[in-house]
Amino acid sequence: MQAVRGLKECLAAAVLALLLAAAGAAPRTVCTITVNSPDEKESFRRHLGNENYRFVELVERGRADWLDSSCRAGVACDILVISAHYDGGNEFFPDSLDAREFLPVSELERVSCSGSCPTLFSRLQEVYLFGCNTLNPEPHSGATAEVVRSLVREGVPKEQAERELKSLTAAQGESSRDRMRQVFDGVPTIYGFSSTAPVGPIASRVLDRYFQQAGDRDIGRGRTSSRLLSAFTPFGLTAVSGLTPADPNWATRLDMCQFADERRPVAAKLAFVQGLLQRHVGEARLYLDRIRRLRESLDAGVRDDPLAAQVLEAIARDEEARDRVLAYARRADRPDTRVAMFDLARDVGWLTEQARRDELIAMLAELHARPEVGVPEIHLACRTNADGALNGRLATGAAPGETAGGTGHAALRACLGSAPDRAATLQALLSSDEAQVELAQAYLRQRPVDDVRELRRLTEGISALPAGPAQIRALEALGRHYVSDREVLERLVALYGRTSSAAVQTAVAGILLRADRSALPAQTLRQTLITLRRDARNGAGDGTIDALIALLDAR
């Protein structure tokens, strides 16, 4: 009995010692990168408090080098929360078209690989990525499938081609999940979404419920919380761990750092590219994005460096590599691959700028000649002609005063500077055919409306559409704009009040969540949202209206 009593006393003393140690422990540092809405950050702050957690916002508004600033300050994060939209591959970005804060994934790679920022990620236990597709396991560029087809065309058996490229897929971060595992190497738990993520206000409400039930017992422990995954079940939250030296793909992180480590001389990075160009073009194809970012970082001073200039000259003289790359580019299945490879050929001296433009126009003419022009082609045409250098160079084959093809063809020509086709494409946004609206929506993502009168006309037309998928998609296209005009906002509120569709009301609420609502009386809007709300059964409601009401209540 005495022995048992002694054991209990020892255990009690041990527990007391742990509690005292915990009481004197330094607070965990929660780093936040708030590129979009602060809703998720504020939920963490509300429930974790400031006694055991120290919150540090890394983004400094109006300052381009905010991540470097955090490195120089010696910030060391235990927990990292990133709130932003995510393009599925290269960048975290904000909702507002006017915002200036972005987070390129290449910046995260640089911090992860370079000794100039040794502390920021050094003790991370958890990363929370609040953005769509942040941990999507699917290859985002389609490069792997394209390379396999290229090898098969050259006579390599398909099974062999797939085996050879399997490891390369993980190596180059062909999925968002792979890329985040490379960036946050050694981090025990990385949370993110395999597909669509909830908008900030909705994510905040889910977090609030989670914290109310679980507290902070699973936060900062470096282990996956089944409670948190369960709370976000409708949205596909998932968790992975960062790469470690024991991982079979660890060497692929080292390859990533060949490009990302700022301590390496530029000449050494260019020499690595030169070596890639000696391999099969399909393998170099997997590195195109990284090569592009390296090219874009070269300034006149770097090009004047004797060693860098020597490597660049050697690449420019490599006619065998030139012929292989251009031949691959001209027969590549994916037009965006062609663009990237023509850009590479121009930058290393294999094509003049005029020759590059000729190649691009030939490619766009080929796309325009197809019976159908879809969303990917529209995005590509607009991005390719972002500087307007290709305006007016596409010969459509139509008679004067006529247009060739349908909405997709018109949108492609609008991307190349055609004013009549822009008007026709915007008119398609008001169609009751959802497929036509989708094509117009793709154009507007690249060429948004900046004339308030045009925005008012589109809002009026969208409001007049019958309730259904076409109207909802048109509203989503409108919602990509930062709406601040009172007349537009009032039309949207009027549509909310008279529609019979709960899904349309949700779409309107989604626009109002992101809009500048200062022109609207908050209490009047709140009353409208509540009293005129339609039955949201059958899955029509997703919490967007509730989130908007909660924001209005907080004012």
Protein backbone atom coordinates (compact mmCIF):
# COMPACT_ATOMS: atom_id res chain seq x y z
CA MET A 1 0.00 0.00 0.00
CA GLN A 2 2.84 2.33 0.91
CA ALA A 3 4.51 1.56 -2.41
CA VAL A 4 1.31 2.43 -4.28
CA ARG A 5 0.99 5.67 -2.31
CA GLY A 6 4.61 6.51 -3.19
CA LEU A 7 3.98 5.83 -6.87
CA LYS A 8 0.95 8.12 -6.86
CA GLU A 9 2.98 10.85 -5.18
CA CYS A 10 5.71 10.50 -7.82
CA LEU A 11 3.17 10.69 -10.60
CA ALA A 12 1.52 13.74 -9.05
CA ALA A 13 4.90 15.43 -8.74
CA ALA A 14 5.70 14.64 -12.35
CA VAL A 15 2.38 16.05 -13.55
CA LEU A 16 2.92 19.18 -11.44
CA ALA A 17 6.39 19.61 -12.92
CA LEU A 18 5.00 19.33 -16.44
CA LEU A 19 2.29 21.88 -15.68
CA LEU A 20 4.82 24.28 -14.22
CA ALA A 21 7.09 23.82 -17.22
CA ALA A 22 4.17 24.46 -19.56
CA ALA A 23 3.22 27.58 -17.62
CA GLY A 24 6.69 28.99 -18.10
CA ALA A 25 7.06 27.88 -21.73
CA ALA A 26 7.39 30.51 -24.40
CA PRO A 27 4.21 31.02 -26.43
CA ARG A 28 3.98 29.31 -29.80
CA THR A 29 4.32 31.65 -32.77
CA VAL A 30 1.42 31.56 -35.21
CA CYS A 31 2.54 33.15 -38.47
CA THR A 32 -0.22 34.29 -40.82
CA ILE A 33 0.03 35.18 -44.49
CA THR A 34 -3.23 36.98 -45.24
CA VAL A 35 -3.31 37.59 -48.98
CA ASN A 36 -7.09 37.37 -49.13
CA SER A 37 -9.69 37.56 -46.34
CA PRO A 38 -8.57 37.67 -42.67
CA ASP A 39 -11.47 35.46 -41.55
CA GLU A 40 -9.46 32.29 -40.88
CA LYS A 41 -6.71 34.21 -39.09
CA GLU A 42 -9.21 35.96 -36.84
CA SER A 43 -10.84 32.66 -35.93
CA PHE A 44 -7.47 31.27 -34.81
CA ARG A 45 -6.80 34.46 -32.87
CA ARG A 46 -10.20 34.47 -31.14
CA HIS A 47 -9.95 30.93 -29.88
CA LEU A 48 -6.22 30.54 -29.20
CA GLY A 49 -5.78 33.91 -27.50
CA ASN A 50 -2.51 35.67 -26.76
CA GLU A 51 -1.44 33.93 -23.56
CA ASN A 52 0.03 30.79 -25.13
CA TYR A 53 0.20 31.95 -28.74
CA ARG A 54 1.92 34.90 -30.37
CA PHE A 55 0.44 36.03 -33.69
CA VAL A 56 2.67 37.52 -36.39
CA GLU A 57 1.21 38.72 -39.69
CA LEU A 58 3.95 38.36 -42.30
CA VAL A 59 2.27 40.42 -45.02
CA GLU A 60 3.13 44.12 -44.82
CA ARG A 61 0.68 46.05 -47.00
CA GLY A 62 2.31 48.11 -49.71
CA ARG A 63 5.70 46.42 -49.23
CA ALA A 64 6.88 44.05 -51.95
CA ASP A 65 9.63 42.36 -49.90
CA TRP A 66 7.50 41.47 -46.89
CA LEU A 67 8.66 37.85 -46.80
CA ASP A 68 12.30 38.96 -46.82
CA SER A 69 11.47 41.44 -44.07
CA SER A 70 10.24 38.58 -41.87
CA CYS A 71 13.43 36.64 -42.60
CA ARG A 72 15.63 39.58 -41.62
CA ALA A 73 13.62 40.03 -38.41
CA GLY A 74 14.41 36.43 -37.43
CA VAL A 75 10.78 35.34 -37.19
CA ALA A 76 10.44 31.60 -36.45
CA CYS A 77 7.00 30.08 -37.02
CA ASP A 78 5.58 27.13 -35.11
CA ILE A 79 2.30 27.31 -37.03
CA LEU A 80 1.68 28.89 -40.44
CA VAL A 81 -1.77 29.92 -41.73
CA ILE A 82 -2.03 31.02 -45.38
CA SER A 83 -5.34 32.56 -46.49
CA ALA A 84 -5.59 33.18 -50.24
CA HIS A 85 -6.98 31.99 -53.52
CA TYR A 86 -4.62 29.55 -55.23
CA ASP A 87 -4.18 29.13 -58.97
CA GLY A 88 -3.36 25.44 -58.61
CA GLY A 89 0.31 25.78 -59.41
CA ASN A 90 2.27 28.97 -59.10
CA GLU A 91 0.63 31.67 -57.00
CA PHE A 92 -1.54 32.55 -54.03
CA PHE A 93 -3.61 35.60 -54.91
CA PRO A 94 -6.35 37.88 -53.50
CA ASP A 95 -10.01 38.26 -54.36
CA SER A 96 -9.86 41.93 -55.25
CA LEU A 97 -8.59 43.01 -58.65
CA ASP A 98 -7.15 46.10 -56.95
CA ALA A 99 -5.07 44.24 -54.36
CA ARG A 100 -1.30 44.24 -54.69
CA GLU A 101 -0.29 41.45 -52.31
CA PHE A 102 0.53 38.12 -53.96
CA LEU A 103 2.54 35.10 -52.84
CA PRO A 104 4.35 33.23 -55.63
CA VAL A 105 5.09 29.62 -54.73
CA SER A 106 8.61 30.29 -56.04
CA GLU A 107 9.06 32.69 -53.09
CA LEU A 108 8.15 29.91 -50.67
CA GLU A 109 10.63 27.65 -52.47
CA ARG A 110 13.34 30.29 -52.19
CA VAL A 111 12.78 30.69 -48.44
CA SER A 112 12.66 26.93 -47.99
CA CYS A 113 15.91 26.31 -49.88
CA SER A 114 18.07 29.32 -49.03
CA GLY A 115 20.29 29.85 -46.01
CA SER A 116 19.45 33.55 -46.09
CA CYS A 117 16.23 32.71 -44.22
CA PRO A 118 17.25 29.95 -41.80
CA THR A 119 14.63 30.45 -39.09
CA LEU A 120 11.25 31.20 -40.69
CA PHE A 121 10.23 27.58 -41.42
CA SER A 122 12.82 25.84 -39.25
CA ARG A 123 10.51 24.76 -36.41
CA LEU A 124 7.16 24.51 -38.21
CA GLN A 125 4.85 21.87 -36.79
CA GLU A 126 1.73 22.64 -38.83
CA VAL A 127 0.76 24.50 -41.99
CA TYR A 128 -2.82 25.47 -42.82
CA LEU A 129 -3.43 26.27 -46.51
CA PHE A 130 -6.83 27.93 -46.91
CA GLY A 131 -7.18 27.98 -50.68
CA CYS A 132 -8.67 25.83 -53.43
CA ASN A 133 -6.63 22.83 -54.64
CA THR A 134 -3.73 23.54 -52.30
CA LEU A 135 -3.26 19.79 -51.76
CA ASN A 136 -4.81 18.52 -54.98
CA PRO A 137 -3.04 15.24 -55.86
CA GLU A 138 -3.74 15.51 -59.60
CA PRO A 139 -1.00 16.78 -61.96
CA HIS A 140 -1.96 20.39 -62.65
CA SER A 141 -0.13 21.02 -65.91
CA GLY A 142 -0.81 17.82 -67.84
CA ALA A 143 2.89 17.72 -68.66
CA THR A 144 3.36 14.08 -67.74
CA ALA A 145 0.64 12.75 -70.03
CA GLU A 146 1.95 14.96 -72.83
CA VAL A 147 5.51 13.69 -72.42
CA VAL A 148 4.31 10.08 -72.41
CA ARG A 149 2.51 10.68 -75.73
CA SER A 150 5.66 12.26 -77.14
CA LEU A 151 7.79 9.28 -76.17
CA VAL A 152 5.24 6.85 -77.59
CA ARG A 153 5.28 8.76 -80.90
CA GLU A 154 9.04 8.20 -80.95
CA GLY A 155 8.56 4.45 -80.58
CA VAL A 156 9.07 3.99 -76.83
CA PRO A 157 6.56 1.45 -75.41
CA LYS A 158 3.89 3.22 -73.37
CA GLU A 159 4.55 1.16 -70.23
CA GLN A 160 8.25 2.02 -70.35
CA ALA A 161 7.53 5.72 -70.92
CA GLU A 162 5.18 5.80 -67.94
CA ARG A 163 7.75 4.08 -65.72
CA GLU A 164 10.49 6.50 -66.72
CA LEU A 165 8.34 9.52 -66.00
CA LYS A 166 6.67 8.36 -62.79
CA SER A 167 9.44 9.63 -60.55
CA LEU A 168 9.86 12.80 -62.58
CA THR A 169 6.21 13.68 -61.96
CA ALA A 170 6.75 13.82 -58.21
CA ALA A 171 10.13 15.45 -58.75
CA GLN A 172 8.80 18.52 -60.47
CA GLY A 173 5.79 19.04 -58.24
CA GLU A 174 3.35 18.15 -60.98
CA SER A 175 0.61 18.27 -58.39
CA SER A 176 -0.03 20.93 -55.79
CA ARG A 177 0.30 18.30 -53.09
CA ASP A 178 3.79 17.27 -54.27
CA ARG A 179 4.91 20.87 -54.52
CA MET A 180 3.74 21.77 -51.02
CA ARG A 181 5.46 18.69 -49.62
CA GLN A 182 8.69 19.87 -51.22
CA VAL A 183 8.35 23.44 -49.93
CA PHE A 184 7.45 22.47 -46.36
CA ASP A 185 9.97 19.67 -46.00
CA GLY A 186 10.03 18.00 -42.60
CA VAL A 187 6.77 19.61 -41.43
CA PRO A 188 4.75 16.89 -39.67
CA THR A 189 1.31 18.12 -40.75
CA ILE A 190 0.25 20.20 -43.76
CA TYR A 191 -3.49 20.85 -44.12
CA GLY A 192 -5.06 21.88 -47.42
CA PHE A 193 -7.93 21.23 -49.80
CA SER A 194 -7.99 18.59 -52.53
CA SER A 195 -10.48 20.64 -54.55
CA THR A 196 -12.72 23.65 -53.86
CA ALA A 197 -12.14 25.37 -50.53
CA PRO A 198 -14.77 27.36 -48.63
CA VAL A 199 -14.59 31.15 -48.85
CA GLY A 200 -13.11 32.91 -45.82
CA PRO A 201 -16.31 33.69 -43.90
CA ILE A 202 -17.55 30.11 -44.26
CA ALA A 203 -14.18 28.63 -43.31
CA SER A 204 -14.17 30.89 -40.27
CA ARG A 205 -17.56 29.59 -39.12
CA VAL A 206 -16.36 25.99 -39.45
CA LEU A 207 -13.21 26.83 -37.49
CA ASP A 208 -15.26 28.53 -34.78
CA ARG A 209 -17.37 25.39 -34.29
CA TYR A 210 -14.26 23.22 -34.28
CA PHE A 211 -12.48 25.34 -31.66
CA GLN A 212 -15.61 25.53 -29.48
CA GLN A 213 -15.70 21.74 -29.36
CA ALA A 214 -12.01 20.81 -29.33
CA GLY A 215 -10.22 23.88 -28.03
CA ASP A 216 -6.51 23.97 -28.88
CA ARG A 217 -5.72 20.42 -27.86
CA ASP A 218 -4.69 19.46 -31.42
CA ILE A 219 -3.03 22.74 -32.41
CA GLY A 220 0.74 22.94 -32.80
CA ARG A 221 1.28 19.31 -31.79
CA GLY A 222 2.58 18.18 -35.15
CA ARG A 223 -0.02 15.47 -35.57
CA THR A 224 -3.04 15.29 -37.83
CA SER A 225 -6.31 16.18 -36.13
CA SER A 226 -9.15 13.86 -37.09
CA ARG A 227 -11.52 16.36 -35.45
CA LEU A 228 -10.42 19.16 -37.79
CA LEU A 229 -10.64 16.93 -40.88
CA SER A 230 -14.12 15.86 -39.80
CA ALA A 231 -15.23 19.47 -39.31
CA PHE A 232 -14.28 20.26 -42.92
CA THR A 233 -15.61 17.01 -44.42
CA PRO A 234 -17.99 18.78 -46.88
CA PHE A 235 -15.04 20.70 -48.33
CA GLY A 236 -12.45 17.96 -48.75
CA LEU A 237 -9.82 19.08 -46.24
CA THR A 238 -6.88 16.69 -46.27
CA ALA A 239 -3.49 16.44 -44.59
CA VAL A 240 -0.01 15.29 -45.63
CA SER A 241 3.50 15.56 -44.22
CA GLY A 242 6.48 17.31 -45.75
CA LEU A 243 9.25 15.40 -47.48
CA THR A 244 12.07 14.03 -45.31
CA PRO A 245 15.49 12.56 -46.25
CA ALA A 246 13.96 9.11 -45.76
CA ASP A 247 11.37 9.75 -48.49
CA PRO A 248 12.07 8.03 -51.85
CA ASN A 249 11.56 11.38 -53.59
CA TRP A 250 13.87 13.39 -51.33
CA ALA A 251 16.35 13.88 -54.18
CA THR A 252 13.64 15.71 -56.08
CA ARG A 253 13.61 18.46 -53.47
CA LEU A 254 17.33 18.86 -54.05
CA ASP A 255 16.59 19.34 -57.76
CA MET A 256 14.02 21.99 -56.88
CA CYS A 257 16.63 23.80 -54.85
CA GLN A 258 18.98 23.85 -57.83
CA PHE A 259 16.69 26.62 -59.07
CA ALA A 260 15.36 28.08 -55.82
CA ASP A 261 18.47 28.42 -53.63
CA GLU A 262 19.53 32.07 -53.98
CA ARG A 263 23.00 31.22 -52.65
CA ARG A 264 23.85 29.35 -55.85
CA PRO A 265 25.49 31.52 -58.54
CA VAL A 266 23.33 32.23 -61.56
CA ALA A 267 25.98 30.69 -63.79
CA ALA A 268 25.60 27.40 -61.88
CA LYS A 269 21.82 27.50 -62.33
CA LEU A 270 22.20 28.18 -66.05
CA ALA A 271 24.66 25.30 -66.31
CA PHE A 272 22.03 23.05 -64.74
CA VAL A 273 19.56 24.23 -67.44
CA GLN A 274 22.17 23.57 -70.12
CA GLY A 275 22.47 20.02 -68.85
CA LEU A 276 18.70 19.59 -68.92
CA LEU A 277 18.59 20.64 -72.56
CA GLN A 278 20.99 17.82 -73.40
CA ARG A 279 18.46 15.28 -72.14
CA HIS A 280 15.30 14.16 -73.86
CA VAL A 281 13.15 17.21 -74.53
CA GLY A 282 10.27 15.60 -72.67
CA GLU A 283 12.29 15.62 -69.46
CA ALA A 284 13.27 19.26 -69.90
CA ARG A 285 9.58 19.94 -70.56
CA LEU A 286 8.82 19.11 -66.93
CA TYR A 287 11.12 21.92 -65.82
CA LEU A 288 9.62 24.62 -68.08
CA ASP A 289 8.03 26.67 -65.30
CA ARG A 290 11.21 26.72 -63.26
CA ILE A 291 13.33 27.58 -66.30
CA ARG A 292 10.92 30.41 -67.11
CA ARG A 293 11.21 31.88 -63.63
CA LEU A 294 15.00 31.69 -63.83
CA ARG A 295 14.99 33.47 -67.21
CA GLU A 296 12.72 36.19 -65.87
CA SER A 297 15.09 36.80 -62.96
CA LEU A 298 18.05 37.56 -65.25
CA ASP A 299 18.82 41.27 -65.50
CA ALA A 300 21.44 43.06 -67.58
CA GLY A 301 24.01 42.82 -64.81
CA VAL A 302 23.65 39.07 -64.57
CA ARG A 303 23.92 38.65 -68.32
CA ASP A 304 27.17 40.64 -68.24
CA ASP A 305 28.67 38.19 -65.74
CA PRO A 306 31.45 36.38 -67.68
CA LEU A 307 30.55 32.90 -66.45
CA ALA A 308 26.80 33.39 -66.99
CA ALA A 309 27.40 34.91 -70.42
CA GLN A 310 29.59 31.95 -71.35
CA VAL A 311 26.86 29.46 -70.48
CA LEU A 312 24.18 31.50 -72.29
CA GLU A 313 26.37 31.69 -75.39
CA ALA A 314 26.94 27.94 -75.33
CA ILE A 315 23.19 27.33 -75.15
CA ALA A 316 22.52 29.77 -78.01
CA ARG A 317 25.05 27.92 -80.22
CA ASP A 318 23.56 24.50 -79.48
CA GLU A 319 21.77 23.94 -82.78
CA GLU A 320 20.98 20.32 -82.00
CA ALA A 321 19.10 21.29 -78.83
CA ARG A 322 17.42 24.16 -80.73
CA ASP A 323 16.09 21.83 -83.42
CA ARG A 324 14.86 19.28 -80.90
CA VAL A 325 13.08 21.86 -78.74
CA LEU A 326 11.38 23.65 -81.66
CA ALA A 327 10.32 20.34 -83.25
CA TYR A 328 8.80 19.23 -79.94
CA ALA A 329 7.08 22.60 -79.50
CA ARG A 330 5.45 22.57 -82.93
CA ARG A 331 3.91 19.14 -82.40
CA ALA A 332 3.10 19.43 -78.68
CA ASP A 333 -0.47 18.49 -77.82
CA ARG A 334 -0.95 21.37 -75.40
CA PRO A 335 -0.88 24.91 -76.81
CA ASP A 336 0.39 26.31 -73.50
CA THR A 337 3.42 24.03 -73.85
CA ARG A 338 4.07 25.50 -77.27
CA VAL A 339 3.94 29.03 -75.87
CA ALA A 340 6.34 28.20 -73.05
CA MET A 341 8.81 26.52 -75.41
CA PHE A 342 8.67 29.34 -77.95
CA ASP A 343 9.34 31.76 -75.09
CA LEU A 344 12.31 29.64 -74.03
CA ALA A 345 13.62 29.59 -77.61
CA ARG A 346 13.36 33.37 -77.80
CA ASP A 347 15.07 33.93 -74.47
CA VAL A 348 18.08 31.71 -75.21
CA GLY A 349 18.59 33.19 -78.67
CA TRP A 350 17.08 30.45 -80.82
CA LEU A 351 14.22 32.65 -82.10
CA THR A 352 13.97 36.38 -82.71
CA GLU A 353 10.98 38.17 -81.16
CA GLN A 354 9.37 38.47 -84.57
CA ALA A 355 9.90 34.75 -85.25
CA ARG A 356 8.35 33.94 -81.88
CA ARG A 357 5.28 36.04 -82.69
CA ASP A 358 4.97 34.31 -86.06
CA GLU A 359 5.01 30.92 -84.31
CA LEU A 360 2.35 32.10 -81.83
CA ILE A 361 0.05 33.47 -84.54
CA ALA A 362 0.39 30.23 -86.52
CA MET A 363 -0.60 28.30 -83.37
CA LEU A 364 -3.56 30.60 -82.61
CA ALA A 365 -4.74 30.40 -86.22
CA GLU A 366 -4.65 26.62 -85.90
CA LEU A 367 -6.77 26.81 -82.74
CA HIS A 368 -9.18 29.27 -84.36
CA ALA A 369 -9.65 26.93 -87.33
CA ARG A 370 -11.00 24.18 -85.08
CA PRO A 371 -14.78 23.61 -85.09
CA GLU A 372 -14.91 24.35 -81.36
CA VAL A 373 -12.92 26.84 -79.29
CA GLY A 374 -13.24 26.24 -75.56
CA VAL A 375 -12.28 27.75 -72.23
CA PRO A 376 -8.59 26.65 -72.27
CA GLU A 377 -8.04 28.20 -75.70
CA ILE A 378 -9.61 31.48 -74.59
CA HIS A 379 -7.43 31.68 -71.50
CA LEU A 380 -4.36 30.89 -73.57
CA ALA A 381 -5.08 33.49 -76.26
CA CYS A 382 -5.65 36.26 -73.70
CA ARG A 383 -2.55 35.40 -71.70
CA THR A 384 -0.41 35.08 -74.81
CA ASN A 385 -1.49 38.54 -75.97
CA ALA A 386 -1.38 40.22 -72.56
CA ASP A 387 0.82 43.00 -74.01
CA GLY A 388 -1.33 43.49 -77.12
CA ALA A 389 1.58 42.71 -79.45
CA LEU A 390 -0.54 40.25 -81.48
CA ASN A 391 -3.52 42.57 -81.95
CA GLY A 392 -4.97 42.44 -85.45
CA ARG A 393 -2.70 39.68 -86.72
CA LEU A 394 -5.24 36.86 -86.86
CA ALA A 395 -6.83 36.37 -90.28
CA THR A 396 -10.24 34.80 -89.65
CA GLY A 397 -11.18 33.95 -93.20
CA ALA A 398 -14.58 35.57 -92.75
CA ALA A 399 -16.02 38.08 -95.21
CA PRO A 400 -15.87 41.77 -94.24
CA GLY A 401 -18.51 42.58 -91.64
CA GLU A 402 -19.03 38.93 -90.75
CA THR A 403 -17.70 36.82 -87.90
CA ALA A 404 -16.36 33.29 -88.02
CA GLY A 405 -17.50 30.55 -85.63
CA GLY A 406 -19.37 30.92 -82.35
CA THR A 407 -18.79 32.54 -78.97
CA GLY A 408 -15.53 30.70 -78.36
CA HIS A 409 -14.09 31.93 -81.65
CA ALA A 410 -15.30 35.47 -80.92
CA ALA A 411 -13.71 35.37 -77.46
CA LEU A 412 -10.40 34.22 -78.93
CA ARG A 413 -10.47 37.11 -81.43
CA ALA A 414 -11.44 39.49 -78.62
CA CYS A 415 -8.30 38.40 -76.77
CA LEU A 416 -6.40 39.49 -79.89
CA GLY A 417 -7.82 43.00 -79.77
CA SER A 418 -11.06 42.82 -81.78
CA ALA A 419 -13.52 45.36 -80.33
CA PRO A 420 -16.61 43.96 -82.17
CA ASP A 421 -15.78 40.47 -80.87
CA ARG A 422 -15.39 41.79 -77.33
CA ALA A 423 -18.89 43.25 -77.55
CA ALA A 424 -20.24 39.94 -78.91
CA THR A 425 -18.51 37.99 -76.13
CA LEU A 426 -19.91 40.23 -73.39
CA GLN A 427 -23.36 39.84 -74.92
CA ALA A 428 -22.97 36.07 -74.65
CA LEU A 429 -22.75 36.50 -70.87
CA LEU A 430 -26.46 37.35 -71.03
CA SER A 431 -27.40 34.13 -72.81
CA SER A 432 -29.75 31.59 -71.26
CA ASP A 433 -27.39 28.88 -72.58
CA GLU A 434 -24.93 28.03 -69.81
CA ALA A 435 -22.28 26.83 -72.29
CA GLN A 436 -22.22 30.26 -73.93
CA VAL A 437 -22.04 31.99 -70.56
CA GLU A 438 -19.11 29.79 -69.57
CA LEU A 439 -17.13 30.94 -72.63
CA ALA A 440 -17.86 34.58 -71.87
CA GLN A 441 -16.91 33.98 -68.24
CA ALA A 442 -13.51 32.63 -69.34
CA TYR A 443 -12.89 35.80 -71.35
CA LEU A 444 -13.88 38.05 -68.45
CA ARG A 445 -11.44 36.31 -66.13
CA GLN A 446 -8.67 37.52 -68.42
CA ARG A 447 -10.18 40.83 -69.57
CA PRO A 448 -12.43 42.14 -66.77
CA VAL A 449 -14.82 45.04 -67.27
CA ASP A 450 -13.42 48.35 -66.04
CA ASP A 451 -16.23 50.62 -67.30
CA VAL A 452 -18.93 51.08 -64.65
CA ARG A 453 -21.57 51.74 -67.32
CA GLU A 454 -20.74 48.39 -68.93
CA LEU A 455 -20.90 46.71 -65.54
CA ARG A 456 -24.34 48.21 -64.92
CA ARG A 457 -25.59 47.01 -68.31
CA LEU A 458 -24.34 43.49 -67.65
CA THR A 459 -25.89 43.44 -64.17
CA GLU A 460 -29.23 44.53 -65.61
CA GLY A 461 -29.07 41.82 -68.27
CA ILE A 462 -28.03 39.11 -65.83
CA SER A 463 -30.86 40.09 -63.48
CA ALA A 464 -33.33 39.63 -66.32
CA LEU A 465 -32.21 36.06 -67.08
CA PRO A 466 -34.45 33.19 -65.98
CA ALA A 467 -33.33 31.56 -62.75
CA GLY A 468 -31.09 28.63 -63.50
CA PRO A 469 -27.51 27.48 -64.17
CA ALA A 470 -26.83 30.16 -66.82
CA GLN A 471 -27.83 32.99 -64.50
CA ILE A 472 -25.81 31.52 -61.62
CA ARG A 473 -22.69 31.22 -63.79
CA ALA A 474 -23.16 34.78 -65.08
CA LEU A 475 -23.36 36.00 -61.48
CA GLU A 476 -20.17 34.12 -60.69
CA ALA A 477 -18.48 35.93 -63.59
CA LEU A 478 -19.73 39.24 -62.24
CA GLY A 479 -18.50 38.30 -58.77
CA ARG A 480 -14.90 38.18 -59.98
CA HIS A 481 -15.07 41.98 -60.12
CA TYR A 482 -14.74 44.07 -56.98
CA VAL A 483 -18.22 45.60 -57.03
CA SER A 484 -18.52 49.02 -55.38
CA ASP A 485 -21.03 50.85 -57.58
CA ARG A 486 -24.27 51.56 -55.71
CA GLU A 487 -26.53 50.99 -58.73
CA VAL A 488 -24.99 47.57 -59.38
CA LEU A 489 -25.30 46.60 -55.71
CA GLU A 490 -28.94 47.70 -55.53
CA ARG A 491 -29.79 45.66 -58.65
CA LEU A 492 -28.22 42.61 -57.07
CA VAL A 493 -30.16 43.08 -53.83
CA ALA A 494 -33.34 43.48 -55.87
CA LEU A 495 -32.57 40.23 -57.70
CA TYR A 496 -32.05 38.50 -54.35
CA GLY A 497 -35.47 39.67 -53.22
CA ARG A 498 -37.47 38.60 -56.25
CA THR A 499 -35.80 35.37 -57.40
CA SER A 500 -37.49 32.09 -56.60
CA SER A 501 -34.14 30.26 -56.55
CA ALA A 502 -32.16 29.67 -53.36
CA ALA A 503 -29.11 28.93 -55.52
CA VAL A 504 -29.38 32.34 -57.21
CA GLN A 505 -29.67 33.98 -53.80
CA THR A 506 -26.50 32.18 -52.72
CA ALA A 507 -24.69 33.42 -55.84
CA VAL A 508 -25.80 37.00 -55.13
CA ALA A 509 -24.68 36.69 -51.51
CA GLY A 510 -21.30 35.47 -52.74
CA ILE A 511 -20.85 38.69 -54.71
CA LEU A 512 -21.96 40.83 -51.77
CA LEU A 513 -19.51 39.04 -49.46
CA ARG A 514 -16.63 40.31 -51.59
CA ALA A 515 -18.12 43.68 -52.56
CA ASP A 516 -17.73 47.13 -51.05
CA ARG A 517 -21.08 47.23 -49.25
CA SER A 518 -20.57 50.69 -47.73
CA ALA A 519 -23.12 52.18 -50.17
CA LEU A 520 -25.85 49.92 -48.76
CA PRO A 521 -27.57 50.36 -45.38
CA ALA A 522 -26.31 47.38 -43.39
CA GLN A 523 -29.46 46.77 -41.35
CA THR A 524 -31.74 47.08 -44.36
CA LEU A 525 -29.60 44.58 -46.26
CA ARG A 526 -29.56 42.23 -43.27
CA GLN A 527 -33.34 42.34 -43.02
CA THR A 528 -33.68 41.63 -46.74
CA LEU A 529 -31.36 38.64 -46.52
CA ILE A 530 -33.36 37.14 -43.64
CA THR A 531 -36.97 37.93 -44.54
CA LEU A 532 -36.77 37.18 -48.28
CA ARG A 533 -34.56 34.10 -48.05
CA ARG A 534 -35.78 31.10 -50.05
CA ASP A 535 -35.93 27.52 -48.85
CA ALA A 536 -32.41 26.16 -49.18
CA ARG A 537 -33.30 22.48 -49.10
CA ASN A 538 -31.89 20.00 -51.63
CA GLY A 539 -28.38 21.36 -51.19
CA ALA A 540 -28.97 24.82 -52.61
CA GLY A 541 -27.54 26.64 -49.60
CA ASP A 542 -23.91 26.33 -48.55
CA GLY A 543 -23.69 28.82 -45.69
CA THR A 544 -22.79 31.83 -47.84
CA ILE A 545 -25.89 33.78 -46.85
CA ASP A 546 -25.33 32.96 -43.17
CA ALA A 547 -21.74 34.17 -43.46
CA LEU A 548 -22.90 37.46 -45.01
CA ILE A 549 -25.48 37.97 -42.28
CA ALA A 550 -22.81 37.30 -39.65
CA LEU A 551 -20.57 39.95 -41.21
CA LEU A 552 -23.39 42.47 -41.14
CA ASP A 553 -24.11 41.61 -37.50
CA ALA A 554 -20.48 42.29 -36.64
CA ARG A 555 -20.59 45.87 -37.95
